[in-house]
Amino acid sequence: MHFPVELALGPARLPVHLLCEVLAYTLGFRLYQHLRTGTRDRISDAHRQWIFVGAAAGALLGSRLLGLLEHPELLAHPPGGWLYYFTNKTIVGGFLGGLIGVELTKKHLGVTASSGDLMVFPILLGLAIGRLGCFFSGLEDGTYGTATTLPWGINFGDGVRRHPTNLYEILFLAALGLLLWLLERRGRLADGRRFQLFLSGYLLFRLLVEFIKPTASLPGLGLTAIQWACVAGLGYYVWVWVTTYRSTDKTF
């Protein structure tokens, strides 16, 4: 296979990565519509729209900010000029920024019901399709892993066999989706718990998989910017679960 993979459409060539991104948004949204149709949504259409706006704004800001912090040495002299500040993005930053945007919007609207549970399986589907596009883009996407001698290492075009971290993530997303489905077959999860388990699981995966990516750690801090963001997100959920447990009277 030659990377990046492209589709030939007559004289034009279409990057498979772009096609996967379009499919990720389209199929993810279609799945969300399907799930919402069969579910009694405790959040009104009007409030849902504002929550989506808050999520999009927070995700855009968080994704760009964390993307820039990945390589702080480039901030003073950005490659490609000022456009560099608007092109870097990360999924982890998008999730955490989106989470903050949603919570602030819900607080303003007075919404207390979970808004994320309904989005979990559409997000899992969209992420998996998007990561497949990242894999087909090869070295251009920058989501590949470090060199490896393992038999499933992939040569993305530079002669070096690397960890296919994009494929690792797809496998993880499939396993996480299956685990959540099995948990809910055993009994109904508490409101908001599905999204909490999804995001905390994803943050833990990204914290670990970043160790086999070539991104350098922040000077003197031992971890990359994405890993520190994952630590912060996981710390937030530990605080949420401890607070929830302490506020719930249980008799043993």
Protein backbone atom coordinates (compact mmCIF):
# COMPACT_ATOMS: atom_id res chain seq x y z
CA MET A 1 0.00 0.00 0.00
CA HIS A 2 1.29 3.46 -0.92
CA PHE A 3 0.70 6.28 1.59
CA PRO A 4 -1.10 8.62 1.52
CA VAL A 5 -3.91 6.61 -0.04
CA GLU A 6 -5.91 8.51 -2.65
CA LEU A 7 -8.87 7.72 -4.88
CA ALA A 8 -8.48 8.46 -8.59
CA LEU A 9 -11.51 10.23 -10.04
CA GLY A 10 -10.51 10.76 -13.66
CA PRO A 11 -7.74 13.36 -13.65
CA ALA A 12 -8.50 14.33 -10.04
CA ARG A 13 -7.31 12.54 -6.92
CA LEU A 14 -9.31 12.50 -3.69
CA PRO A 15 -7.52 11.85 -0.37
CA VAL A 16 -9.18 8.96 1.46
CA HIS A 17 -8.63 10.90 4.69
CA LEU A 18 -11.02 13.61 3.50
CA LEU A 19 -13.60 11.02 2.49
CA CYS A 20 -13.36 9.35 5.89
CA GLU A 21 -13.85 12.69 7.66
CA VAL A 22 -17.01 13.37 5.68
CA LEU A 23 -18.29 9.86 6.40
CA ALA A 24 -17.42 10.22 10.10
CA TYR A 25 -19.53 13.38 10.52
CA THR A 26 -22.34 12.13 8.29
CA LEU A 27 -22.74 8.63 9.72
CA GLY A 28 -22.16 9.81 13.28
CA PHE A 29 -24.92 12.40 12.96
CA ARG A 30 -27.27 9.90 11.31
CA LEU A 31 -26.72 7.46 14.17
CA TYR A 32 -27.38 10.25 16.68
CA GLN A 33 -30.68 11.10 14.94
CA HIS A 34 -31.67 7.43 14.95
CA LEU A 35 -30.88 6.98 18.65
CA ARG A 36 -32.67 10.19 19.62
CA THR A 37 -35.79 9.14 17.74
CA GLY A 38 -36.05 5.97 19.81
CA THR A 39 -35.19 7.65 23.12
CA ARG A 40 -37.18 9.97 25.36
CA ASP A 41 -34.91 13.00 25.46
CA ARG A 42 -35.16 14.99 28.69
CA ILE A 43 -33.60 18.00 26.97
CA SER A 44 -35.71 20.18 24.66
CA ASP A 45 -34.80 20.80 21.03
CA ALA A 46 -34.03 24.46 21.75
CA HIS A 47 -31.73 23.61 24.64
CA ARG A 48 -30.08 20.85 22.59
CA GLN A 49 -29.23 23.39 19.90
CA TRP A 50 -27.60 25.76 22.39
CA ILE A 51 -25.70 22.87 23.97
CA PHE A 52 -24.38 21.92 20.53
CA VAL A 53 -23.25 25.53 20.04
CA GLY A 54 -21.47 25.48 23.41
CA ALA A 55 -19.86 22.14 22.61
CA ALA A 56 -18.68 23.30 19.18
CA ALA A 57 -17.23 26.56 20.49
CA GLY A 58 -15.46 24.85 23.38
CA ALA A 59 -14.18 22.03 21.18
CA LEU A 60 -12.82 24.45 18.59
CA LEU A 61 -10.99 26.53 21.18
CA GLY A 62 -9.74 23.55 23.19
CA SER A 63 -8.59 21.65 20.13
CA ARG A 64 -6.59 24.58 18.78
CA LEU A 65 -5.10 25.55 22.15
CA LEU A 66 -3.87 22.08 23.03
CA GLY A 67 -2.63 21.59 19.47
CA LEU A 68 -0.42 24.65 19.86
CA LEU A 69 0.86 23.54 23.26
CA GLU A 70 2.06 20.25 21.76
CA HIS A 71 5.00 22.09 20.21
CA PRO A 72 5.63 25.24 22.30
CA GLU A 73 9.01 25.75 20.63
CA LEU A 74 7.20 26.65 17.40
CA LEU A 75 4.96 29.34 18.86
CA ALA A 76 7.45 32.16 18.40
CA HIS A 77 8.36 31.16 14.85
CA PRO A 78 5.41 29.18 13.45
CA PRO A 79 6.13 27.12 10.31
CA GLY A 80 4.06 28.42 7.43
CA GLY A 81 3.34 31.75 9.08
CA TRP A 82 0.31 32.87 11.10
CA LEU A 83 -1.96 30.19 9.63
CA TYR A 84 -0.13 27.70 11.86
CA TYR A 85 -2.07 29.07 14.85
CA PHE A 86 -5.38 28.03 13.26
CA THR A 87 -4.50 24.65 11.72
CA ASN A 88 -3.18 22.64 14.67
CA LYS A 89 -5.86 20.61 16.43
CA THR A 90 -6.18 17.63 18.76
CA ILE A 91 -9.13 15.37 19.59
CA VAL A 92 -8.29 15.38 23.30
CA GLY A 93 -8.36 19.18 23.38
CA GLY A 94 -11.64 19.11 21.46
CA PHE A 95 -13.23 16.74 23.95
CA LEU A 96 -12.09 18.64 27.03
CA GLY A 97 -12.89 22.04 25.54
CA GLY A 98 -16.27 20.73 24.41
CA LEU A 99 -16.95 19.37 27.90
CA ILE A 100 -16.26 22.78 29.43
CA GLY A 101 -18.41 24.50 26.79
CA VAL A 102 -21.31 22.11 27.40
CA GLU A 103 -21.18 22.42 31.18
CA LEU A 104 -21.10 26.23 31.04
CA THR A 105 -24.00 26.27 28.56
CA LYS A 106 -26.07 23.85 30.64
CA LYS A 107 -25.44 25.90 33.77
CA HIS A 108 -26.62 29.03 31.96
CA LEU A 109 -29.76 27.25 30.68
CA GLY A 110 -30.48 25.51 33.97
CA VAL A 111 -30.25 22.04 32.40
CA THR A 112 -29.31 19.29 34.85
CA ALA A 113 -29.94 16.17 32.74
CA SER A 114 -27.02 14.51 30.97
CA SER A 115 -26.55 15.72 27.41
CA GLY A 116 -23.64 13.44 26.56
CA ASP A 117 -25.05 9.94 26.98
CA LEU A 118 -26.93 10.12 23.70
CA MET A 119 -23.75 11.18 21.88
CA VAL A 120 -21.45 8.37 23.01
CA PHE A 121 -22.08 5.75 20.33
CA PRO A 122 -22.22 8.31 17.49
CA ILE A 123 -18.90 9.71 18.72
CA LEU A 124 -17.37 6.23 18.87
CA LEU A 125 -18.48 5.55 15.30
CA GLY A 126 -17.24 8.90 14.01
CA LEU A 127 -13.90 8.59 15.81
CA ALA A 128 -13.25 5.12 14.42
CA ILE A 129 -13.99 6.21 10.85
CA GLY A 130 -11.88 9.34 11.30
CA ARG A 131 -8.92 7.35 12.64
CA LEU A 132 -9.16 5.06 9.62
CA GLY A 133 -8.69 8.18 7.53
CA CYS A 134 -5.69 9.13 9.66
CA PHE A 135 -4.18 5.72 8.96
CA PHE A 136 -4.65 6.09 5.20
CA SER A 137 -3.02 9.54 5.26
CA GLY A 138 0.28 8.01 6.43
CA LEU A 139 2.96 10.39 7.66
CA GLU A 140 1.05 13.50 6.57
CA ASP A 141 -1.41 13.28 9.45
CA GLY A 142 1.19 13.04 12.22
CA THR A 143 -0.77 10.45 14.24
CA TYR A 144 1.61 7.53 13.62
CA GLY A 145 3.66 5.81 16.30
CA THR A 146 7.34 5.31 16.99
CA ALA A 147 9.50 2.71 15.27
CA THR A 148 8.88 -0.90 16.22
CA THR A 149 10.16 -4.40 15.38
CA LEU A 150 6.75 -5.97 16.05
CA PRO A 151 5.40 -7.97 13.09
CA TRP A 152 2.42 -5.65 12.62
CA GLY A 153 4.55 -2.52 12.27
CA ILE A 154 3.59 -0.43 9.23
CA ASN A 155 5.91 1.33 6.80
CA PHE A 156 4.09 4.59 6.05
CA GLY A 157 6.45 5.48 3.22
CA ASP A 158 9.73 6.46 4.86
CA GLY A 159 11.14 2.94 5.16
CA VAL A 160 10.56 2.77 8.94
CA ARG A 161 8.14 0.24 10.43
CA ARG A 162 6.05 2.06 13.02
CA HIS A 163 3.32 1.35 15.55
CA PRO A 164 -0.01 1.85 13.71
CA THR A 165 -1.43 3.83 16.62
CA ASN A 166 -4.42 4.85 14.48
CA LEU A 167 -5.42 1.18 14.20
CA TYR A 168 -4.76 0.64 17.93
CA GLU A 169 -7.24 3.41 18.61
CA ILE A 170 -9.88 1.89 16.33
CA LEU A 171 -9.56 -1.43 18.16
CA PHE A 172 -9.81 0.34 21.50
CA LEU A 173 -12.91 2.27 20.43
CA ALA A 174 -14.59 -0.95 19.28
CA ALA A 175 -13.74 -2.65 22.60
CA LEU A 176 -14.97 0.37 24.60
CA GLY A 177 -18.23 0.48 22.66
CA LEU A 178 -18.77 -3.24 23.25
CA LEU A 179 -18.00 -2.88 26.96
CA LEU A 180 -20.51 -0.03 27.37
CA TRP A 181 -23.16 -2.00 25.49
CA LEU A 182 -22.61 -5.05 27.69
CA LEU A 183 -22.74 -2.96 30.87
CA GLU A 184 -26.07 -1.47 29.85
CA ARG A 185 -27.49 -4.89 29.03
CA ARG A 186 -26.87 -5.84 32.67
CA GLY A 187 -28.74 -2.81 33.97
CA ARG A 188 -29.46 0.85 33.33
CA LEU A 189 -26.51 3.12 34.06
CA ALA A 190 -26.96 6.28 36.09
CA ASP A 191 -27.69 9.47 34.17
CA GLY A 192 -24.45 10.73 32.64
CA ARG A 193 -22.46 7.62 33.50
CA ARG A 194 -22.19 6.36 29.91
CA PHE A 195 -20.45 9.55 28.79
CA GLN A 196 -18.26 9.63 31.90
CA LEU A 197 -17.06 6.07 31.27
CA PHE A 198 -16.50 6.79 27.59
CA LEU A 199 -14.46 9.95 28.03
CA SER A 200 -12.46 8.74 31.01
CA GLY A 201 -11.68 5.51 29.15
CA TYR A 202 -10.61 7.43 26.07
CA LEU A 203 -8.43 9.79 28.10
CA LEU A 204 -6.73 6.85 29.81
CA PHE A 205 -6.06 5.23 26.43
CA ARG A 206 -4.59 8.44 25.01
CA LEU A 207 -2.45 8.96 28.10
CA LEU A 208 -0.88 5.52 27.57
CA VAL A 209 -0.67 5.40 23.77
CA GLU A 210 1.14 8.76 23.64
CA PHE A 211 4.18 6.97 25.10
CA ILE A 212 4.64 5.22 21.74
CA LYS A 213 4.24 8.37 19.65
CA PRO A 214 7.18 10.51 18.59
CA THR A 215 5.89 13.73 20.19
CA ALA A 216 8.44 15.10 22.66
CA SER A 217 7.46 15.72 26.27
CA LEU A 218 7.20 19.29 27.52
CA PRO A 219 10.57 20.59 28.79
CA GLY A 220 11.06 19.55 32.41
CA LEU A 221 7.53 18.14 32.78
CA GLY A 222 8.02 14.53 31.72
CA LEU A 223 4.81 14.20 29.71
CA THR A 224 3.46 15.71 26.51
CA ALA A 225 0.81 18.44 26.51
CA ILE A 226 -1.82 15.89 25.47
CA GLN A 227 -0.83 13.58 28.33
CA TRP A 228 -1.09 16.37 30.88
CA ALA A 229 -4.51 17.25 29.47
CA CYS A 230 -5.51 13.59 29.88
CA VAL A 231 -4.27 13.63 33.48
CA ALA A 232 -6.34 16.77 34.15
CA GLY A 233 -9.46 15.22 32.59
CA LEU A 234 -9.04 11.97 34.52
CA GLY A 235 -8.48 13.94 37.72
CA TYR A 236 -11.73 15.81 37.09
CA TYR A 237 -13.69 12.56 36.75
CA VAL A 238 -12.12 11.10 39.88
CA TRP A 239 -13.26 14.23 41.71
CA VAL A 240 -16.78 13.88 40.25
CA TRP A 241 -17.06 10.22 41.28
CA VAL A 242 -15.67 10.80 44.78
CA THR A 243 -18.01 13.77 45.30
CA THR A 244 -20.99 11.78 44.03
CA TYR A 245 -20.17 8.83 46.27
CA ARG A 246 -19.78 10.99 49.37
CA SER A 247 -23.06 12.80 48.72
CA THR A 248 -24.98 9.53 48.39
CA ASP A 249 -26.12 7.95 51.63
CA LYS A 250 -25.42 4.20 51.48
CA THR A 251 -26.19 1.64 54.11
CA PHE A 252 -24.11 -1.53 54.09
